[in-house]
Amino acid sequence: MLEFVNVSAAYDEKTILRNVSFRLERGEHAAFMGPSGCGKTTLLYLAAGLKAPYNGRILRDTEKLAAVFQEPRLFPWMNALENVSIVLGKDRDAQEKAIGALTRARLGAEQQKFPSELSGGMQQRVSLARALASDGDLLLLDEPIKGLDETLREDMTEWIKEASRGKTMLLITHDPKDAAALCDSLYEFRDLNFFRKPPV
């Protein structure tokens, strides 16, 4: 469960979000959409506990969260396998799970490469592999398949659907197709807040 209760947030004294309230039940997948700069990424930072609101409450009934940010946020001194393994531990099973996640991300042949040796799309898929391999029960995904070609987008969408079953997921996206494919509820931005769009 993830719940925002009258949450407001600001950057440099400029209000970004005002009195945002919503509740995602355990296992619910929700997409948040809106124009660039409207506060979607701020919403994800708040949900992850990386930014504090200036008023309101954020409640999480979760043991472990996993996130994919707009930037891959990989450790440059670690190869792809190490970047995924870092959230899993160092035993044999963890290594095998990390290898499996990279293989599922179509990066099995790149596991020994460092971020500087990978394209932007490959780095993004390493970040996705790290999040989906971690078994977090709250998934926070900010444009996780943006910029991938159509074949990879379809493949990664299927993987996210498989890996997110039974988990709570908050998806930031600009693409209505991604929202429809991955989520069962949709929130759209309006006037510093997000409002749930009724099902069609």
C-alpha atoms as a PDB file:
ATOM      1  CA  MET A   1       0.000   0.000   0.000  1.00  0.00           C
ATOM      2  CA  LEU A   2       1.111   3.541  -0.781  1.00  0.00           C
ATOM      3  CA  GLU A   3      -0.913   6.539   0.345  1.00  0.00           C
ATOM      4  CA  PHE A   4      -0.435  10.284  -0.062  1.00  0.00           C
ATOM      5  CA  VAL A   5      -2.533  12.466   2.246  1.00  0.00           C
ATOM      6  CA  ASN A   6      -2.684  16.173   1.306  1.00  0.00           C
ATOM      7  CA  VAL A   7       0.965  16.163   0.231  1.00  0.00           C
ATOM      8  CA  SER A   8       2.580  19.356  -1.042  1.00  0.00           C
ATOM      9  CA  ALA A   9       6.126  19.757  -2.307  1.00  0.00           C
ATOM     10  CA  ALA A  10       8.293  22.600  -3.569  1.00  0.00           C
ATOM     11  CA  TYR A  11      11.663  23.343  -5.198  1.00  0.00           C
ATOM     12  CA  ASP A  12      13.380  26.657  -4.470  1.00  0.00           C
ATOM     13  CA  GLU A  13      10.204  27.900  -2.770  1.00  0.00           C
ATOM     14  CA  LYS A  14       8.146  27.190  -5.903  1.00  0.00           C
ATOM     15  CA  THR A  15       5.227  24.844  -5.253  1.00  0.00           C
ATOM     16  CA  ILE A  16       5.397  21.801  -7.534  1.00  0.00           C
ATOM     17  CA  LEU A  17       2.593  19.698  -6.054  1.00  0.00           C
ATOM     18  CA  ARG A  18      -0.281  20.876  -3.850  1.00  0.00           C
ATOM     19  CA  ASN A  19      -2.529  18.788  -1.603  1.00  0.00           C
ATOM     20  CA  VAL A  20      -2.000  15.549  -3.526  1.00  0.00           C
ATOM     21  CA  SER A  21      -4.029  12.660  -2.133  1.00  0.00           C
ATOM     22  CA  PHE A  22      -4.371   9.116  -3.443  1.00  0.00           C
ATOM     23  CA  ARG A  23      -4.120   5.554  -2.187  1.00  0.00           C
ATOM     24  CA  LEU A  24      -2.720   2.559  -4.042  1.00  0.00           C
ATOM     25  CA  GLU A  25      -3.757  -0.760  -2.572  1.00  0.00           C
ATOM     26  CA  ARG A  26      -1.352  -3.665  -2.392  1.00  0.00           C
ATOM     27  CA  GLY A  27      -1.026  -5.139  -5.872  1.00  0.00           C
ATOM     28  CA  GLU A  28      -2.479  -2.080  -7.632  1.00  0.00           C
ATOM     29  CA  HIS A  29      -0.672  -0.681 -10.666  1.00  0.00           C
ATOM     30  CA  ALA A  30      -1.207   3.046 -11.250  1.00  0.00           C
ATOM     31  CA  ALA A  31       0.080   5.285 -14.026  1.00  0.00           C
ATOM     32  CA  PHE A  32       0.652   9.006 -13.503  1.00  0.00           C
ATOM     33  CA  MET A  33       0.632  11.159 -16.610  1.00  0.00           C
ATOM     34  CA  GLY A  34       1.040  14.835 -17.389  1.00  0.00           C
ATOM     35  CA  PRO A  35       3.195  17.351 -19.256  1.00  0.00           C
ATOM     36  CA  SER A  36       6.933  17.665 -18.628  1.00  0.00           C
ATOM     37  CA  GLY A  37       7.703  19.639 -15.496  1.00  0.00           C
ATOM     38  CA  CYS A  38       4.335  19.055 -13.846  1.00  0.00           C
ATOM     39  CA  GLY A  39       5.767  17.182 -10.856  1.00  0.00           C
ATOM     40  CA  LYS A  40       5.611  13.524 -11.894  1.00  0.00           C
ATOM     41  CA  THR A  41       9.245  12.815 -11.026  1.00  0.00           C
ATOM     42  CA  THR A  42       8.868  14.759  -7.776  1.00  0.00           C
ATOM     43  CA  LEU A  43       5.950  12.470  -6.966  1.00  0.00           C
ATOM     44  CA  LEU A  44       8.198   9.429  -7.438  1.00  0.00           C
ATOM     45  CA  TYR A  45      10.955  10.947  -5.279  1.00  0.00           C
ATOM     46  CA  LEU A  46       8.405  11.554  -2.543  1.00  0.00           C
ATOM     47  CA  ALA A  47       7.107   7.989  -2.807  1.00  0.00           C
ATOM     48  CA  ALA A  48      10.672   6.670  -2.550  1.00  0.00           C
ATOM     49  CA  GLY A  49      11.425   8.775   0.516  1.00  0.00           C
ATOM     50  CA  LEU A  50      14.156  10.698  -1.325  1.00  0.00           C
ATOM     51  CA  LYS A  51      12.349  14.010  -0.899  1.00  0.00           C
ATOM     52  CA  ALA A  52      10.258  15.228   2.003  1.00  0.00           C
ATOM     53  CA  PRO A  53       6.965  17.077   1.545  1.00  0.00           C
ATOM     54  CA  TYR A  54       6.503  20.445   3.203  1.00  0.00           C
ATOM     55  CA  ASN A  55       3.103  19.341   4.388  1.00  0.00           C
ATOM     56  CA  GLY A  56       0.983  16.195   4.369  1.00  0.00           C
ATOM     57  CA  ARG A  57       1.779  12.553   5.053  1.00  0.00           C
ATOM     58  CA  ILE A  58       3.072   9.654   2.980  1.00  0.00           C
ATOM     59  CA  LEU A  59       2.265   6.153   4.212  1.00  0.00           C
ATOM     60  CA  ARG A  60       3.903   2.969   2.931  1.00  0.00           C
ATOM     61  CA  ASP A  61       2.964  -0.542   3.940  1.00  0.00           C
ATOM     62  CA  THR A  62       5.927  -2.136   2.239  1.00  0.00           C
ATOM     63  CA  GLU A  63       9.023  -4.074   3.214  1.00  0.00           C
ATOM     64  CA  LYS A  64      11.198  -3.186   0.252  1.00  0.00           C
ATOM     65  CA  LEU A  65      10.919  -0.808  -2.665  1.00  0.00           C
ATOM     66  CA  ALA A  66      12.677  -0.825  -6.027  1.00  0.00           C
ATOM     67  CA  ALA A  67      12.985   2.103  -8.391  1.00  0.00           C
ATOM     68  CA  VAL A  68      13.934   2.957 -11.945  1.00  0.00           C
ATOM     69  CA  PHE A  69      14.698   6.642 -12.398  1.00  0.00           C
ATOM     70  CA  GLN A  70      14.895   8.666 -15.603  1.00  0.00           C
ATOM     71  CA  GLU A  71      18.687   8.401 -15.390  1.00  0.00           C
ATOM     72  CA  PRO A  72      20.071   4.847 -15.020  1.00  0.00           C
ATOM     73  CA  ARG A  73      22.012   5.701 -11.827  1.00  0.00           C
ATOM     74  CA  LEU A  74      24.568   2.949 -12.278  1.00  0.00           C
ATOM     75  CA  PHE A  75      27.834   2.817 -10.369  1.00  0.00           C
ATOM     76  CA  PRO A  76      30.475   3.681 -12.999  1.00  0.00           C
ATOM     77  CA  TRP A  77      33.168   1.562 -11.322  1.00  0.00           C
ATOM     78  CA  MET A  78      30.985  -1.579 -11.432  1.00  0.00           C
ATOM     79  CA  ASN A  79      30.185  -3.699 -14.470  1.00  0.00           C
ATOM     80  CA  ALA A  80      26.604  -4.519 -15.435  1.00  0.00           C
ATOM     81  CA  LEU A  81      26.523  -7.732 -13.410  1.00  0.00           C
ATOM     82  CA  GLU A  82      27.866  -6.005 -10.303  1.00  0.00           C
ATOM     83  CA  ASN A  83      25.356  -3.163 -10.682  1.00  0.00           C
ATOM     84  CA  VAL A  84      22.501  -5.670 -10.594  1.00  0.00           C
ATOM     85  CA  SER A  85      24.059  -7.945  -7.975  1.00  0.00           C
ATOM     86  CA  ILE A  86      24.534  -5.120  -5.487  1.00  0.00           C
ATOM     87  CA  VAL A  87      20.857  -5.297  -4.477  1.00  0.00           C
ATOM     88  CA  LEU A  88      20.877  -9.098  -4.217  1.00  0.00           C
ATOM     89  CA  GLY A  89      23.917 -10.050  -2.164  1.00  0.00           C
ATOM     90  CA  LYS A  90      27.041 -12.030  -2.946  1.00  0.00           C
ATOM     91  CA  ASP A  91      26.050 -15.686  -2.695  1.00  0.00           C
ATOM     92  CA  ARG A  92      25.815 -18.029  -5.670  1.00  0.00           C
ATOM     93  CA  ASP A  93      22.027 -17.817  -5.941  1.00  0.00           C
ATOM     94  CA  ALA A  94      22.185 -14.003  -6.038  1.00  0.00           C
ATOM     95  CA  GLN A  95      24.743 -14.089  -8.832  1.00  0.00           C
ATOM     96  CA  GLU A  96      22.636 -16.518 -10.835  1.00  0.00           C
ATOM     97  CA  LYS A  97      19.576 -14.337 -10.322  1.00  0.00           C
ATOM     98  CA  ALA A  98      21.484 -11.261 -11.507  1.00  0.00           C
ATOM     99  CA  ILE A  99      22.713 -13.109 -14.593  1.00  0.00           C
ATOM    100  CA  GLY A 100      19.160 -14.255 -15.277  1.00  0.00           C
ATOM    101  CA  ALA A 101      17.848 -10.689 -14.991  1.00  0.00           C
ATOM    102  CA  LEU A 102      20.465  -9.366 -17.405  1.00  0.00           C
ATOM    103  CA  THR A 103      19.710 -12.183 -19.815  1.00  0.00           C
ATOM    104  CA  ARG A 104      16.005 -11.328 -19.623  1.00  0.00           C
ATOM    105  CA  ALA A 105      16.950  -7.717 -20.363  1.00  0.00           C
ATOM    106  CA  ARG A 106      18.777  -8.977 -23.477  1.00  0.00           C
ATOM    107  CA  LEU A 107      22.122  -8.064 -21.958  1.00  0.00           C
ATOM    108  CA  GLY A 108      23.555 -11.480 -21.215  1.00  0.00           C
ATOM    109  CA  ALA A 109      26.566 -10.821 -23.434  1.00  0.00           C
ATOM    110  CA  GLU A 110      27.181  -7.401 -21.839  1.00  0.00           C
ATOM    111  CA  GLN A 111      27.319  -8.409 -18.180  1.00  0.00           C
ATOM    112  CA  GLN A 112      31.062  -7.703 -17.808  1.00  0.00           C
ATOM    113  CA  LYS A 113      30.870  -4.275 -19.452  1.00  0.00           C
ATOM    114  CA  PHE A 114      31.002  -1.045 -17.486  1.00  0.00           C
ATOM    115  CA  PRO A 115      28.370   1.690 -17.911  1.00  0.00           C
ATOM    116  CA  SER A 116      30.717   3.773 -20.040  1.00  0.00           C
ATOM    117  CA  GLU A 117      30.860   0.878 -22.515  1.00  0.00           C
ATOM    118  CA  LEU A 118      27.069   0.600 -22.795  1.00  0.00           C
ATOM    119  CA  SER A 119      24.630   2.675 -24.829  1.00  0.00           C
ATOM    120  CA  GLY A 120      22.009   4.745 -23.043  1.00  0.00           C
ATOM    121  CA  GLY A 121      19.327   2.140 -23.795  1.00  0.00           C
ATOM    122  CA  MET A 122      21.521  -0.643 -22.434  1.00  0.00           C
ATOM    123  CA  GLN A 123      22.193   1.305 -19.251  1.00  0.00           C
ATOM    124  CA  GLN A 124      18.457   1.815 -18.880  1.00  0.00           C
ATOM    125  CA  ARG A 125      17.875  -1.935 -19.171  1.00  0.00           C
ATOM    126  CA  VAL A 126      20.569  -2.638 -16.553  1.00  0.00           C
ATOM    127  CA  SER A 127      18.702  -0.292 -14.226  1.00  0.00           C
ATOM    128  CA  LEU A 128      15.439  -2.094 -15.002  1.00  0.00           C
ATOM    129  CA  ALA A 129      17.085  -5.480 -14.420  1.00  0.00           C
ATOM    130  CA  ARG A 130      18.359  -4.286 -11.040  1.00  0.00           C
ATOM    131  CA  ALA A 131      14.893  -3.122  -9.988  1.00  0.00           C
ATOM    132  CA  LEU A 132      12.993  -6.188 -11.177  1.00  0.00           C
ATOM    133  CA  ALA A 133      15.554  -8.630  -9.771  1.00  0.00           C
ATOM    134  CA  SER A 134      15.382  -7.071  -6.308  1.00  0.00           C
ATOM    135  CA  ASP A 135      11.917  -8.450  -5.451  1.00  0.00           C
ATOM    136  CA  GLY A 136      10.739  -5.144  -4.064  1.00  0.00           C
ATOM    137  CA  ASP A 137       7.042  -5.199  -3.201  1.00  0.00           C
ATOM    138  CA  LEU A 138       6.699  -1.530  -4.222  1.00  0.00           C
ATOM    139  CA  LEU A 139       7.917  -0.672  -7.729  1.00  0.00           C
ATOM    140  CA  LEU A 140       8.514   2.971  -8.633  1.00  0.00           C
ATOM    141  CA  LEU A 141       9.180   3.319 -12.353  1.00  0.00           C
ATOM    142  CA  ASP A 142       9.921   6.626 -14.090  1.00  0.00           C
ATOM    143  CA  GLU A 143       9.703   6.202 -17.882  1.00  0.00           C
ATOM    144  CA  PRO A 144      11.375   2.755 -17.624  1.00  0.00           C
ATOM    145  CA  ILE A 145      11.188   1.914 -21.347  1.00  0.00           C
ATOM    146  CA  LYS A 146      11.488   5.380 -22.850  1.00  0.00           C
ATOM    147  CA  GLY A 147      13.743   5.532 -25.908  1.00  0.00           C
ATOM    148  CA  LEU A 148      13.820   1.791 -26.584  1.00  0.00           C
ATOM    149  CA  ASP A 149      12.970   0.500 -30.042  1.00  0.00           C
ATOM    150  CA  GLU A 150       9.561  -1.055 -30.577  1.00  0.00           C
ATOM    151  CA  THR A 151      10.695  -4.677 -30.225  1.00  0.00           C
ATOM    152  CA  LEU A 152      12.546  -3.982 -26.975  1.00  0.00           C
ATOM    153  CA  ARG A 153       9.645  -1.895 -25.646  1.00  0.00           C
ATOM    154  CA  GLU A 154       7.239  -4.791 -26.162  1.00  0.00           C
ATOM    155  CA  ASP A 155       9.644  -7.275 -24.604  1.00  0.00           C
ATOM    156  CA  MET A 156      10.428  -5.079 -21.570  1.00  0.00           C
ATOM    157  CA  THR A 157       6.715  -4.318 -21.131  1.00  0.00           C
ATOM    158  CA  GLU A 158       5.973  -8.043 -20.919  1.00  0.00           C
ATOM    159  CA  TRP A 159       8.774  -8.487 -18.404  1.00  0.00           C
ATOM    160  CA  ILE A 160       7.501  -5.649 -16.218  1.00  0.00           C
ATOM    161  CA  LYS A 161       4.005  -7.186 -16.322  1.00  0.00           C
ATOM    162  CA  GLU A 162       5.382 -10.586 -15.279  1.00  0.00           C
ATOM    163  CA  ALA A 163       7.650  -9.231 -12.543  1.00  0.00           C
ATOM    164  CA  SER A 164       5.074  -6.841 -11.051  1.00  0.00           C
ATOM    165  CA  ARG A 165       2.293  -9.365 -10.422  1.00  0.00           C
ATOM    166  CA  GLY A 166       1.109  -9.028  -6.827  1.00  0.00           C
ATOM    167  CA  LYS A 167       3.225  -5.916  -6.259  1.00  0.00           C
ATOM    168  CA  THR A 168       2.204  -2.301  -5.932  1.00  0.00           C
ATOM    169  CA  MET A 169       3.479  -0.228  -8.848  1.00  0.00           C
ATOM    170  CA  LEU A 170       3.616   3.507  -9.519  1.00  0.00           C
ATOM    171  CA  LEU A 171       4.483   4.237 -13.142  1.00  0.00           C
ATOM    172  CA  ILE A 172       5.444   7.652 -14.485  1.00  0.00           C
ATOM    173  CA  THR A 173       4.880   7.826 -18.231  1.00  0.00           C
ATOM    174  CA  HIS A 174       4.052  10.123 -21.133  1.00  0.00           C
ATOM    175  CA  ASP A 175       2.737   7.253 -23.238  1.00  0.00           C
ATOM    176  CA  PRO A 176      -0.939   6.250 -22.934  1.00  0.00           C
ATOM    177  CA  LYS A 177      -0.086   2.858 -24.481  1.00  0.00           C
ATOM    178  CA  ASP A 178       2.372   2.103 -21.685  1.00  0.00           C
ATOM    179  CA  ALA A 179      -0.203   3.146 -19.101  1.00  0.00           C
ATOM    180  CA  ALA A 180      -2.862   0.913 -20.667  1.00  0.00           C
ATOM    181  CA  ALA A 181      -0.498  -2.064 -21.011  1.00  0.00           C
ATOM    182  CA  LEU A 182       0.937  -1.952 -17.489  1.00  0.00           C
ATOM    183  CA  CYS A 183      -1.608  -0.326 -15.183  1.00  0.00           C
ATOM    184  CA  ASP A 184      -5.170  -0.710 -13.978  1.00  0.00           C
ATOM    185  CA  SER A 185      -5.659   2.895 -12.874  1.00  0.00           C
ATOM    186  CA  LEU A 186      -4.641   6.247 -14.312  1.00  0.00           C
ATOM    187  CA  TYR A 187      -4.012   9.622 -12.712  1.00  0.00           C
ATOM    188  CA  GLU A 188      -3.663  12.763 -14.806  1.00  0.00           C
ATOM    189  CA  PHE A 189      -2.122  16.060 -13.787  1.00  0.00           C
ATOM    190  CA  ARG A 190      -4.277  19.139 -13.342  1.00  0.00           C
ATOM    191  CA  ASP A 191      -3.511  22.361 -11.453  1.00  0.00           C
ATOM    192  CA  LEU A 192      -0.617  21.137  -9.246  1.00  0.00           C
ATOM    193  CA  ASN A 193      -2.433  17.923  -8.399  1.00  0.00           C
ATOM    194  CA  PHE A 194      -3.215  14.495  -9.848  1.00  0.00           C
ATOM    195  CA  PHE A 195      -6.776  13.350 -10.385  1.00  0.00           C
ATOM    196  CA  ARG A 196      -7.887   9.834 -11.041  1.00  0.00           C
ATOM    197  CA  LYS A 197      -9.318   9.404 -14.504  1.00  0.00           C
ATOM    198  CA  PRO A 198     -12.528   7.344 -14.502  1.00  0.00           C
ATOM    199  CA  PRO A 199     -12.293   4.068 -16.443  1.00  0.00           C
ATOM    200  CA  VAL A 200     -13.603   4.253 -19.983  1.00  0.00           C
END
